C-alpha cells in the first residue's frame, strides 16, 4: 500500500495526505531529547515511507538545520513548508507563545535564514505564523514582502498559519495559496473554514489532527488538546459516546482517519520524534478516510462544530 495524494489547491503540487511536522525535532528544553543521528534516521524514514510534505519553522529550534543536514540531498522528494514572522534569534528563556515580528526586514531575514539552514534555494511554501490580524499584515506590509520573495524565486507559494478570529479575514484577502488550520475530531471549531478556504482554490494543511485529541503514548492526553483547558479533550471524548461506533478501532487511528475524512483536506501534518510512531501513523494513513457511515455517525455523536 501507499499513502494517497491530493492536490494542494491550485498550486499544481500533489502532496501525500499525511505530512510530517518537524516541530518534534526542535530539541530540549522545548521538545523531546533527540540525538542528531536519530533525527537524521527519522527524516530519511519519513521520505522512505513516501511522505512528500515536510512542515517546519524558524521557531522550531534546530529543526531546519537538521532537515538541511540530513535530507537536503533528497530535496526533490519533498514539498518544503516553513514559516515567517518568527524572531530570527529566539531568547534562550523565551516561552510560548513566542513574540513575532511581521515587518519586512524580519520576514526577509526569516526566509533567508531558512534557506541557509535547510540547504535549499527555495521554500515551496512560506506561511505567516501565529495568525496576525489583517490590519497588522497590512500595516507591516507582510504580504508585499512575501510577494517580493516569491518574485525573486526564493518562495514558490504564500501561506497563512491561521485560526479564529482572524482566519475568515485571511481567506477573504485572496492572496494566500494555502492555509494551515488546527482541526481534530474533538476540536472542530474551524471545520467550516477549512471548506471555505478550499472553495477559494487554496490548499489546506491540517495540524493537530492527532495531537489535539488522541492519547498517544508520548503525550499526556489528560492535559487536553492545544487550545483547550486542562482535561477538556478527555471530557469531550467521553461525553460523545463515540467509542460505541468505533467497533474496537484504536483512538489514535480514529482521530487521524477522522481528520483525513474532511473532504476539503489536502494534507494533515503529524509530528513525532519516534520512528515507531511514524510507522504507525503511516499505516493508519494508508487506510485513508473513515468509512462514510462511521464518519457521519461520528459527527453526530461529537455534535456540531463550535465557533
C-alpha atoms as a PDB file:
ATOM      1  CA  UNK A   1       0.000   0.000   0.000  1.00  0.00           C
ATOM      2  CA  UNK A   2       0.975   3.628  -0.385  1.00  0.00           C
ATOM      3  CA  UNK A   3      -0.195   6.899   1.091  1.00  0.00           C
ATOM      4  CA  UNK A   4      -2.602   8.568  -1.308  1.00  0.00           C
ATOM      5  CA  UNK A   5      -2.076  12.098  -2.576  1.00  0.00           C
ATOM      6  CA  UNK A   6      -4.288  15.123  -3.104  1.00  0.00           C
ATOM      7  CA  UNK A   7      -3.902  18.419  -4.910  1.00  0.00           C
ATOM      8  CA  UNK A   8      -2.633  21.265  -2.746  1.00  0.00           C
ATOM      9  CA  UNK A   9      -5.276  23.636  -4.016  1.00  0.00           C
ATOM     10  CA  UNK A  10      -4.416  25.499  -7.195  1.00  0.00           C
ATOM     11  CA  UNK A  11      -0.646  25.266  -6.646  1.00  0.00           C
ATOM     12  CA  UNK A  12      -0.269  22.369  -9.066  1.00  0.00           C
ATOM     13  CA  UNK A  13       1.531  20.360  -6.381  1.00  0.00           C
ATOM     14  CA  UNK A  14       0.320  16.954  -5.267  1.00  0.00           C
ATOM     15  CA  UNK A  15       1.072  16.082  -1.639  1.00  0.00           C
ATOM     16  CA  UNK A  16       0.546  12.967   0.437  1.00  0.00           C
ATOM     17  CA  UNK A  17      -2.464  13.169   2.739  1.00  0.00           C
ATOM     18  CA  UNK A  18      -0.038  12.579   5.619  1.00  0.00           C
ATOM     19  CA  UNK A  19       2.664  15.200   6.014  1.00  0.00           C
ATOM     20  CA  UNK A  20       5.470  15.323   8.556  1.00  0.00           C
ATOM     21  CA  UNK A  21       5.586  18.094  11.151  1.00  0.00           C
ATOM     22  CA  UNK A  22       9.161  18.707  12.229  1.00  0.00           C
ATOM     23  CA  UNK A  23       8.416  20.593  15.458  1.00  0.00           C
ATOM     24  CA  UNK A  24       9.305  17.471  17.431  1.00  0.00           C
ATOM     25  CA  UNK A  25      12.910  17.873  16.220  1.00  0.00           C
ATOM     26  CA  UNK A  26      13.337  21.211  17.996  1.00  0.00           C
ATOM     27  CA  UNK A  27      15.210  19.564  20.859  1.00  0.00           C
ATOM     28  CA  UNK A  28      15.383  20.318  24.545  1.00  0.00           C
ATOM     29  CA  UNK A  29      14.313  22.224  26.570  1.00  0.00           C
ATOM     30  CA  UNK A  30      11.264  22.950  24.386  1.00  0.00           C
ATOM     31  CA  UNK A  31      10.854  19.471  22.936  1.00  0.00           C
ATOM     32  CA  UNK A  32      11.875  15.842  23.409  1.00  0.00           C
ATOM     33  CA  UNK A  33      15.545  14.948  23.535  1.00  0.00           C
ATOM     34  CA  UNK A  34      16.763  13.520  20.243  1.00  0.00           C
ATOM     35  CA  UNK A  35      20.303  12.876  19.045  1.00  0.00           C
ATOM     36  CA  UNK A  36      21.276  14.352  15.689  1.00  0.00           C
ATOM     37  CA  UNK A  37      21.874  10.932  14.174  1.00  0.00           C
ATOM     38  CA  UNK A  38      18.439   9.738  15.329  1.00  0.00           C
ATOM     39  CA  UNK A  39      16.857  12.826  13.784  1.00  0.00           C
ATOM     40  CA  UNK A  40      18.642  12.002  10.541  1.00  0.00           C
ATOM     41  CA  UNK A  41      17.362   8.436  10.557  1.00  0.00           C
ATOM     42  CA  UNK A  42      13.846   9.668  11.277  1.00  0.00           C
ATOM     43  CA  UNK A  43      13.871  12.223   8.460  1.00  0.00           C
ATOM     44  CA  UNK A  44      15.104   9.677   5.961  1.00  0.00           C
ATOM     45  CA  UNK A  45      12.449   7.247   7.208  1.00  0.00           C
ATOM     46  CA  UNK A  46       9.827   9.929   6.517  1.00  0.00           C
ATOM     47  CA  UNK A  47      10.896  10.102   2.878  1.00  0.00           C
ATOM     48  CA  UNK A  48      11.377   6.347   2.585  1.00  0.00           C
ATOM     49  CA  UNK A  49       7.750   5.932   3.722  1.00  0.00           C
ATOM     50  CA  UNK A  50       6.656   8.062   0.779  1.00  0.00           C
ATOM     51  CA  UNK A  51       5.637  11.178   2.740  1.00  0.00           C
ATOM     52  CA  UNK A  52       6.080  14.113   0.398  1.00  0.00           C
ATOM     53  CA  UNK A  53       5.438  17.181   2.575  1.00  0.00           C
ATOM     54  CA  UNK A  54       7.563  18.437   5.462  1.00  0.00           C
ATOM     55  CA  UNK A  55       6.482  21.388   7.596  1.00  0.00           C
ATOM     56  CA  UNK A  56       8.936  23.271   9.796  1.00  0.00           C
ATOM     57  CA  UNK A  57       9.523  26.744  11.222  1.00  0.00           C
ATOM     58  CA  UNK A  58      12.163  29.163  12.404  1.00  0.00           C
ATOM     59  CA  UNK A  59      10.501  28.754  15.809  1.00  0.00           C
ATOM     60  CA  UNK A  60      11.256  25.019  15.856  1.00  0.00           C
ATOM     61  CA  UNK A  61      14.778  25.268  17.214  1.00  0.00           C
ATOM     62  CA  UNK A  62      17.232  23.054  15.323  1.00  0.00           C
ATOM     63  CA  UNK A  63      14.560  21.505  13.119  1.00  0.00           C
ATOM     64  CA  UNK A  64      15.535  23.378   9.953  1.00  0.00           C
ATOM     65  CA  UNK A  65      19.240  22.739  10.479  1.00  0.00           C
ATOM     66  CA  UNK A  66      18.652  19.003  10.890  1.00  0.00           C
ATOM     67  CA  UNK A  67      16.499  18.846   7.762  1.00  0.00           C
ATOM     68  CA  UNK A  68      19.220  20.605   5.820  1.00  0.00           C
ATOM     69  CA  UNK A  69      21.963  18.365   7.147  1.00  0.00           C
ATOM     70  CA  UNK A  70      20.281  15.024   6.638  1.00  0.00           C
ATOM     71  CA  UNK A  71      17.895  15.264   3.685  1.00  0.00           C
ATOM     72  CA  UNK A  72      18.859  18.316   1.623  1.00  0.00           C
ATOM     73  CA  UNK A  73      20.403  15.861  -0.842  1.00  0.00           C
ATOM     74  CA  UNK A  74      16.894  14.422  -1.343  1.00  0.00           C
ATOM     75  CA  UNK A  75      15.315  17.852  -1.828  1.00  0.00           C
ATOM     76  CA  UNK A  76      13.354  16.914  -4.963  1.00  0.00           C
ATOM     77  CA  UNK A  77      11.460  14.256  -2.991  1.00  0.00           C
ATOM     78  CA  UNK A  78       9.525  16.616  -0.735  1.00  0.00           C
ATOM     79  CA  UNK A  79       7.415  19.763  -0.709  1.00  0.00           C
ATOM     80  CA  UNK A  80       9.029  22.027   1.899  1.00  0.00           C
ATOM     81  CA  UNK A  81       6.977  24.417   4.026  1.00  0.00           C
ATOM     82  CA  UNK A  82       8.277  26.813   6.656  1.00  0.00           C
ATOM     83  CA  UNK A  83       7.069  29.980   8.431  1.00  0.00           C
ATOM     84  CA  UNK A  84       7.820  33.678   8.663  1.00  0.00           C
ATOM     85  CA  UNK A  85       7.226  36.325  11.297  1.00  0.00           C
ATOM     86  CA  UNK A  86       9.303  34.388  13.829  1.00  0.00           C
ATOM     87  CA  UNK A  87      12.217  36.046  15.595  1.00  0.00           C
ATOM     88  CA  UNK A  88      15.473  35.055  13.909  1.00  0.00           C
ATOM     89  CA  UNK A  89      17.139  34.775  17.306  1.00  0.00           C
ATOM     90  CA  UNK A  90      14.816  33.468  19.996  1.00  0.00           C
ATOM     91  CA  UNK A  91      15.837  34.396  23.553  1.00  0.00           C
ATOM     92  CA  UNK A  92      17.017  31.333  25.465  1.00  0.00           C
ATOM     93  CA  UNK A  93      14.475  31.912  28.219  1.00  0.00           C
ATOM     94  CA  UNK A  94      11.533  32.530  25.867  1.00  0.00           C
ATOM     95  CA  UNK A  95       8.399  30.509  26.477  1.00  0.00           C
ATOM     96  CA  UNK A  96       5.389  30.048  24.166  1.00  0.00           C
ATOM     97  CA  UNK A  97       3.688  31.968  22.766  1.00  0.00           C
ATOM     98  CA  UNK A  98       6.859  33.475  21.354  1.00  0.00           C
ATOM     99  CA  UNK A  99       6.988  37.108  20.232  1.00  0.00           C
ATOM    100  CA  UNK A 100       6.741  37.661  16.479  1.00  0.00           C
ATOM    101  CA  UNK A 101       7.652  40.435  14.058  1.00  0.00           C
ATOM    102  CA  UNK A 102       5.838  40.601  10.710  1.00  0.00           C
ATOM    103  CA  UNK A 103       7.662  43.627   9.303  1.00  0.00           C
ATOM    104  CA  UNK A 104       9.630  43.369   6.040  1.00  0.00           C
ATOM    105  CA  UNK A 105      13.152  43.147   7.473  1.00  0.00           C
ATOM    106  CA  UNK A 106      12.273  40.257   9.782  1.00  0.00           C
ATOM    107  CA  UNK A 107      10.164  38.380   7.229  1.00  0.00           C
ATOM    108  CA  UNK A 108      13.012  38.553   4.755  1.00  0.00           C
ATOM    109  CA  UNK A 109      15.561  37.566   7.409  1.00  0.00           C
ATOM    110  CA  UNK A 110      13.420  34.552   8.311  1.00  0.00           C
ATOM    111  CA  UNK A 111      13.293  33.300   4.739  1.00  0.00           C
ATOM    112  CA  UNK A 112      16.987  33.914   4.073  1.00  0.00           C
ATOM    113  CA  UNK A 113      17.945  32.077   7.259  1.00  0.00           C
ATOM    114  CA  UNK A 114      15.597  29.189   6.478  1.00  0.00           C
ATOM    115  CA  UNK A 115      17.109  28.771   3.027  1.00  0.00           C
ATOM    116  CA  UNK A 116      20.603  28.586   4.520  1.00  0.00           C
ATOM    117  CA  UNK A 117      19.659  26.182   7.283  1.00  0.00           C
ATOM    118  CA  UNK A 118      17.563  23.954   5.038  1.00  0.00           C
ATOM    119  CA  UNK A 119      20.268  23.774   2.384  1.00  0.00           C
ATOM    120  CA  UNK A 120      17.946  24.766  -0.436  1.00  0.00           C
ATOM    121  CA  UNK A 121      17.426  27.571  -2.922  1.00  0.00           C
ATOM    122  CA  UNK A 122      13.663  27.810  -2.477  1.00  0.00           C
ATOM    123  CA  UNK A 123      10.862  27.270   0.005  1.00  0.00           C
ATOM    124  CA  UNK A 124       7.852  25.670  -1.627  1.00  0.00           C
ATOM    125  CA  UNK A 125       5.576  27.379   0.876  1.00  0.00           C
ATOM    126  CA  UNK A 126       6.212  30.130   3.399  1.00  0.00           C
ATOM    127  CA  UNK A 127       3.422  30.625   5.921  1.00  0.00           C
ATOM    128  CA  UNK A 128       2.769  33.615   8.132  1.00  0.00           C
ATOM    129  CA  UNK A 129       2.988  32.262  11.667  1.00  0.00           C
ATOM    130  CA  UNK A 130       0.597  32.919  14.561  1.00  0.00           C
ATOM    131  CA  UNK A 131      -2.385  34.278  12.616  1.00  0.00           C
ATOM    132  CA  UNK A 132      -1.901  38.060  12.922  1.00  0.00           C
ATOM    133  CA  UNK A 133      -4.829  40.315  12.054  1.00  0.00           C
ATOM    134  CA  UNK A 134      -5.374  41.640   8.548  1.00  0.00           C
ATOM    135  CA  UNK A 135      -4.771  45.145   9.894  1.00  0.00           C
ATOM    136  CA  UNK A 136      -1.363  44.130  11.221  1.00  0.00           C
ATOM    137  CA  UNK A 137      -0.450  42.374   7.980  1.00  0.00           C
ATOM    138  CA  UNK A 138      -1.336  45.499   6.035  1.00  0.00           C
ATOM    139  CA  UNK A 139       0.459  47.872   8.416  1.00  0.00           C
ATOM    140  CA  UNK A 140       3.600  45.711   8.360  1.00  0.00           C
ATOM    141  CA  UNK A 141       3.479  45.106   4.572  1.00  0.00           C
ATOM    142  CA  UNK A 142       3.915  41.418   5.283  1.00  0.00           C
ATOM    143  CA  UNK A 143       2.216  40.105   2.163  1.00  0.00           C
ATOM    144  CA  UNK A 144       4.049  42.526  -0.112  1.00  0.00           C
ATOM    145  CA  UNK A 145       7.346  41.316   1.329  1.00  0.00           C
ATOM    146  CA  UNK A 146       6.366  37.696   0.753  1.00  0.00           C
ATOM    147  CA  UNK A 147       5.347  38.516  -2.810  1.00  0.00           C
ATOM    148  CA  UNK A 148       8.746  40.116  -3.417  1.00  0.00           C
ATOM    149  CA  UNK A 149      10.464  36.981  -2.135  1.00  0.00           C
ATOM    150  CA  UNK A 150       8.278  34.948  -4.479  1.00  0.00           C
ATOM    151  CA  UNK A 151       9.223  37.180  -7.393  1.00  0.00           C
ATOM    152  CA  UNK A 152      12.884  36.603  -6.535  1.00  0.00           C
ATOM    153  CA  UNK A 153      12.366  32.834  -6.731  1.00  0.00           C
ATOM    154  CA  UNK A 154      13.092  32.211  -3.059  1.00  0.00           C
ATOM    155  CA  UNK A 155       9.500  31.253  -2.305  1.00  0.00           C
ATOM    156  CA  UNK A 156       7.021  29.461  -4.555  1.00  0.00           C
ATOM    157  CA  UNK A 157       3.729  29.885  -2.698  1.00  0.00           C
ATOM    158  CA  UNK A 158       2.352  32.061   0.092  1.00  0.00           C
ATOM    159  CA  UNK A 159       0.507  30.625   3.074  1.00  0.00           C
ATOM    160  CA  UNK A 160      -1.108  31.526   6.369  1.00  0.00           C
ATOM    161  CA  UNK A 161      -0.993  29.501   9.561  1.00  0.00           C
ATOM    162  CA  UNK A 162      -4.349  30.812  10.668  1.00  0.00           C
ATOM    163  CA  UNK A 163      -7.117  30.377  13.198  1.00  0.00           C
ATOM    164  CA  UNK A 164     -10.105  32.180  14.636  1.00  0.00           C
ATOM    165  CA  UNK A 165     -10.846  35.023  14.969  1.00  0.00           C
ATOM    166  CA  UNK A 166      -8.650  36.223  12.084  1.00  0.00           C
ATOM    167  CA  UNK A 167      -8.876  33.282   9.667  1.00  0.00           C
ATOM    168  CA  UNK A 168     -12.051  34.463   7.857  1.00  0.00           C
ATOM    169  CA  UNK A 169     -10.301  37.764   7.057  1.00  0.00           C
ATOM    170  CA  UNK A 170      -7.234  35.882   5.828  1.00  0.00           C
ATOM    171  CA  UNK A 171      -9.372  33.811   3.457  1.00  0.00           C
ATOM    172  CA  UNK A 172     -11.127  36.935   2.256  1.00  0.00           C
ATOM    173  CA  UNK A 173      -7.846  38.629   1.346  1.00  0.00           C
ATOM    174  CA  UNK A 174      -7.481  36.306  -1.647  1.00  0.00           C
ATOM    175  CA  UNK A 175      -3.671  36.321  -1.542  1.00  0.00           C
ATOM    176  CA  UNK A 176      -2.788  33.021   0.122  1.00  0.00           C
ATOM    177  CA  UNK A 177      -2.195  29.790  -1.790  1.00  0.00           C
ATOM    178  CA  UNK A 178      -2.549  27.572   1.279  1.00  0.00           C
ATOM    179  CA  UNK A 179      -3.802  27.692   4.840  1.00  0.00           C
ATOM    180  CA  UNK A 180      -2.558  25.710   7.813  1.00  0.00           C
ATOM    181  CA  UNK A 181      -5.515  25.241  10.163  1.00  0.00           C
ATOM    182  CA  UNK A 182      -5.947  23.423  13.507  1.00  0.00           C
ATOM    183  CA  UNK A 183      -8.597  20.706  13.499  1.00  0.00           C
ATOM    184  CA  UNK A 184      -9.442  17.399  15.116  1.00  0.00           C
ATOM    185  CA  UNK A 185     -12.471  15.277  15.884  1.00  0.00           C
ATOM    186  CA  UNK A 186     -12.897  16.934  19.266  1.00  0.00           C
ATOM    187  CA  UNK A 187     -11.723  20.407  18.282  1.00  0.00           C
ATOM    188  CA  UNK A 188     -13.852  21.208  15.264  1.00  0.00           C
ATOM    189  CA  UNK A 189     -14.185  24.990  15.543  1.00  0.00           C
ATOM    190  CA  UNK A 190     -12.503  25.510  12.162  1.00  0.00           C
ATOM    191  CA  UNK A 191     -14.335  22.734  10.295  1.00  0.00           C
ATOM    192  CA  UNK A 192     -16.379  25.019   8.041  1.00  0.00           C
ATOM    193  CA  UNK A 193     -13.454  27.390   7.493  1.00  0.00           C
ATOM    194  CA  UNK A 194     -11.416  24.530   6.047  1.00  0.00           C
ATOM    195  CA  UNK A 195     -14.177  24.116   3.483  1.00  0.00           C
ATOM    196  CA  UNK A 196     -14.292  27.880   2.883  1.00  0.00           C
ATOM    197  CA  UNK A 197     -10.534  28.063   2.338  1.00  0.00           C
ATOM    198  CA  UNK A 198     -10.589  25.188  -0.144  1.00  0.00           C
ATOM    199  CA  UNK A 199     -13.509  26.785  -2.001  1.00  0.00           C
ATOM    200  CA  UNK A 200     -11.219  29.692  -2.934  1.00  0.00           C
ATOM    201  CA  UNK A 201      -8.796  27.259  -4.581  1.00  0.00           C
ATOM    202  CA  UNK A 202      -6.333  27.270  -1.685  1.00  0.00           C
ATOM    203  CA  UNK A 203      -4.661  24.167  -0.318  1.00  0.00           C
ATOM    204  CA  UNK A 204      -5.299  23.127   3.272  1.00  0.00           C
ATOM    205  CA  UNK A 205      -2.725  21.782   5.714  1.00  0.00           C
ATOM    206  CA  UNK A 206      -4.392  20.491   8.859  1.00  0.00           C
ATOM    207  CA  UNK A 207      -2.415  20.459  12.081  1.00  0.00           C
ATOM    208  CA  UNK A 208      -3.295  18.857  15.392  1.00  0.00           C
ATOM    209  CA  UNK A 209      -5.425  16.082  13.939  1.00  0.00           C
ATOM    210  CA  UNK A 210      -3.881  13.584  16.337  1.00  0.00           C
ATOM    211  CA  UNK A 211      -2.171  15.730  18.972  1.00  0.00           C
ATOM    212  CA  UNK A 212      -5.421  17.592  19.579  1.00  0.00           C
ATOM    213  CA  UNK A 213      -7.200  14.635  20.969  1.00  0.00           C
ATOM    214  CA  UNK A 214      -5.601  11.224  20.592  1.00  0.00           C
ATOM    215  CA  UNK A 215      -3.888   9.806  23.669  1.00  0.00           C
ATOM    216  CA  UNK A 216      -0.593   8.905  22.042  1.00  0.00           C
ATOM    217  CA  UNK A 217       1.851   7.106  24.299  1.00  0.00           C
ATOM    218  CA  UNK A 218       4.273  10.032  24.248  1.00  0.00           C
ATOM    219  CA  UNK A 219       1.659  12.672  25.116  1.00  0.00           C
ATOM    220  CA  UNK A 220      -0.208  13.454  28.322  1.00  0.00           C
ATOM    221  CA  UNK A 221      -3.721  13.415  26.942  1.00  0.00           C
ATOM    222  CA  UNK A 222      -5.223  14.396  30.303  1.00  0.00           C
ATOM    223  CA  UNK A 223      -3.967  17.916  29.645  1.00  0.00           C
ATOM    224  CA  UNK A 224      -6.250  18.186  26.631  1.00  0.00           C
ATOM    225  CA  UNK A 225      -5.502  19.336  23.106  1.00  0.00           C
ATOM    226  CA  UNK A 226      -3.729  22.599  22.453  1.00  0.00           C
ATOM    227  CA  UNK A 227      -6.157  25.458  22.918  1.00  0.00           C
ATOM    228  CA  UNK A 228      -8.461  23.539  25.281  1.00  0.00           C
ATOM    229  CA  UNK A 229      -8.473  23.867  29.037  1.00  0.00           C
ATOM    230  CA  UNK A 230      -6.903  21.062  31.028  1.00  0.00           C
ATOM    231  CA  UNK A 231      -8.842  17.828  30.671  1.00  0.00           C
ATOM    232  CA  UNK A 232     -11.351  19.261  28.198  1.00  0.00           C
ATOM    233  CA  UNK A 233     -10.243  16.941  25.391  1.00  0.00           C
ATOM    234  CA  UNK A 234     -10.887  13.913  27.567  1.00  0.00           C
ATOM    235  CA  UNK A 235     -14.261  15.267  28.687  1.00  0.00           C
ATOM    236  CA  UNK A 236     -15.382  15.940  25.116  1.00  0.00           C
ATOM    237  CA  UNK A 237     -14.389  12.427  24.098  1.00  0.00           C
ATOM    238  CA  UNK A 238     -16.165  10.720  26.982  1.00  0.00           C
ATOM    239  CA  UNK A 239     -19.317  12.838  26.673  1.00  0.00           C
ATOM    240  CA  UNK A 240     -19.711  11.977  22.997  1.00  0.00           C
ATOM    241  CA  UNK A 241     -20.050   8.225  23.488  1.00  0.00           C
ATOM    242  CA  UNK A 242     -18.037   7.937  20.290  1.00  0.00           C
ATOM    243  CA  UNK A 243     -16.478   4.607  21.267  1.00  0.00           C
ATOM    244  CA  UNK A 244     -19.849   2.955  20.656  1.00  0.00           C
ATOM    245  CA  UNK A 245     -19.405   3.429  16.898  1.00  0.00           C
ATOM    246  CA  UNK A 246     -15.702   2.586  16.623  1.00  0.00           C
ATOM    247  CA  UNK A 247     -16.043  -1.190  16.837  1.00  0.00           C
ATOM    248  CA  UNK A 248     -12.698  -1.510  18.587  1.00  0.00           C
ATOM    249  CA  UNK A 249     -10.791   0.932  16.357  1.00  0.00           C
ATOM    250  CA  UNK A 250      -7.885   2.428  18.337  1.00  0.00           C
ATOM    251  CA  UNK A 251      -8.412   6.047  19.344  1.00  0.00           C
ATOM    252  CA  UNK A 252      -5.327   7.281  17.520  1.00  0.00           C
ATOM    253  CA  UNK A 253      -6.453   5.598  14.310  1.00  0.00           C
ATOM    254  CA  UNK A 254      -9.904   7.130  14.607  1.00  0.00           C
ATOM    255  CA  UNK A 255      -8.541  10.623  15.262  1.00  0.00           C
ATOM    256  CA  UNK A 256      -6.220  10.551  12.266  1.00  0.00           C
ATOM    257  CA  UNK A 257      -8.736   8.987   9.899  1.00  0.00           C
ATOM    258  CA  UNK A 258     -11.463  11.403  11.038  1.00  0.00           C
ATOM    259  CA  UNK A 259      -9.213  14.287  10.042  1.00  0.00           C
ATOM    260  CA  UNK A 260      -8.421  12.621   6.708  1.00  0.00           C
ATOM    261  CA  UNK A 261     -12.166  12.287   6.081  1.00  0.00           C
ATOM    262  CA  UNK A 262     -12.682  16.041   5.770  1.00  0.00           C
ATOM    263  CA  UNK A 263     -13.383  16.405   2.042  1.00  0.00           C
ATOM    264  CA  UNK A 264     -11.566  19.740   1.812  1.00  0.00           C
ATOM    265  CA  UNK A 265      -8.312  18.498   3.346  1.00  0.00           C
ATOM    266  CA  UNK A 266      -5.143  18.461   1.260  1.00  0.00           C
ATOM    267  CA  UNK A 267      -2.843  17.017   3.921  1.00  0.00           C
ATOM    268  CA  UNK A 268      -2.618  16.611   7.669  1.00  0.00           C
ATOM    269  CA  UNK A 269       0.646  17.304   9.438  1.00  0.00           C
ATOM    270  CA  UNK A 270       1.616  14.867  12.180  1.00  0.00           C
ATOM    271  CA  UNK A 271       4.837  15.215  14.102  1.00  0.00           C
ATOM    272  CA  UNK A 272       6.855  12.679  16.066  1.00  0.00           C
ATOM    273  CA  UNK A 273      10.412  12.055  17.179  1.00  0.00           C
ATOM    274  CA  UNK A 274       9.922   8.269  17.074  1.00  0.00           C
ATOM    275  CA  UNK A 275      10.322   6.048  14.027  1.00  0.00           C
ATOM    276  CA  UNK A 276       7.873   3.615  15.625  1.00  0.00           C
ATOM    277  CA  UNK A 277       5.187   6.286  15.913  1.00  0.00           C
ATOM    278  CA  UNK A 278       5.960   7.420  12.372  1.00  0.00           C
ATOM    279  CA  UNK A 279       5.425   3.901  11.065  1.00  0.00           C
ATOM    280  CA  UNK A 280       2.142   3.632  12.980  1.00  0.00           C
ATOM    281  CA  UNK A 281       0.952   6.938  11.507  1.00  0.00           C
ATOM    282  CA  UNK A 282       1.855   5.797   8.011  1.00  0.00           C
ATOM    283  CA  UNK A 283      -0.020   2.517   8.469  1.00  0.00           C
ATOM    284  CA  UNK A 284      -3.144   4.429   9.512  1.00  0.00           C
ATOM    285  CA  UNK A 285      -2.821   6.968   6.703  1.00  0.00           C
ATOM    286  CA  UNK A 286      -2.593   4.133   4.187  1.00  0.00           C
ATOM    287  CA  UNK A 287      -6.087   3.090   5.295  1.00  0.00           C
ATOM    288  CA  UNK A 288      -7.350   6.524   4.288  1.00  0.00           C
ATOM    289  CA  UNK A 289     -10.550   8.209   5.451  1.00  0.00           C
ATOM    290  CA  UNK A 290     -13.112   6.514   7.656  1.00  0.00           C
ATOM    291  CA  UNK A 291     -15.944   4.554   6.058  1.00  0.00           C
ATOM    292  CA  UNK A 292     -18.651   7.081   5.156  1.00  0.00           C
ATOM    293  CA  UNK A 293     -21.178   5.691   7.625  1.00  0.00           C
ATOM    294  CA  UNK A 294     -18.707   5.764  10.520  1.00  0.00           C
ATOM    295  CA  UNK A 295     -17.696   9.330   9.647  1.00  0.00           C
ATOM    296  CA  UNK A 296     -21.306  10.522   9.615  1.00  0.00           C
ATOM    297  CA  UNK A 297     -22.151   8.719  12.860  1.00  0.00           C
ATOM    298  CA  UNK A 298     -19.049  10.171  14.490  1.00  0.00           C
ATOM    299  CA  UNK A 299     -20.029  13.724  13.545  1.00  0.00           C
ATOM    300  CA  UNK A 300     -23.492  13.167  15.031  1.00  0.00           C
ATOM    301  CA  UNK A 301     -22.041  11.810  18.263  1.00  0.00           C
ATOM    302  CA  UNK A 302     -19.481  14.574  18.520  1.00  0.00           C
ATOM    303  CA  UNK A 303     -22.107  17.236  17.893  1.00  0.00           C
ATOM    304  CA  UNK A 304     -21.991  20.325  15.672  1.00  0.00           C
ATOM    305  CA  UNK A 305     -18.702  22.226  15.411  1.00  0.00           C
ATOM    306  CA  UNK A 306     -18.344  25.023  17.917  1.00  0.00           C
ATOM    307  CA  UNK A 307     -17.304  28.521  16.986  1.00  0.00           C
END
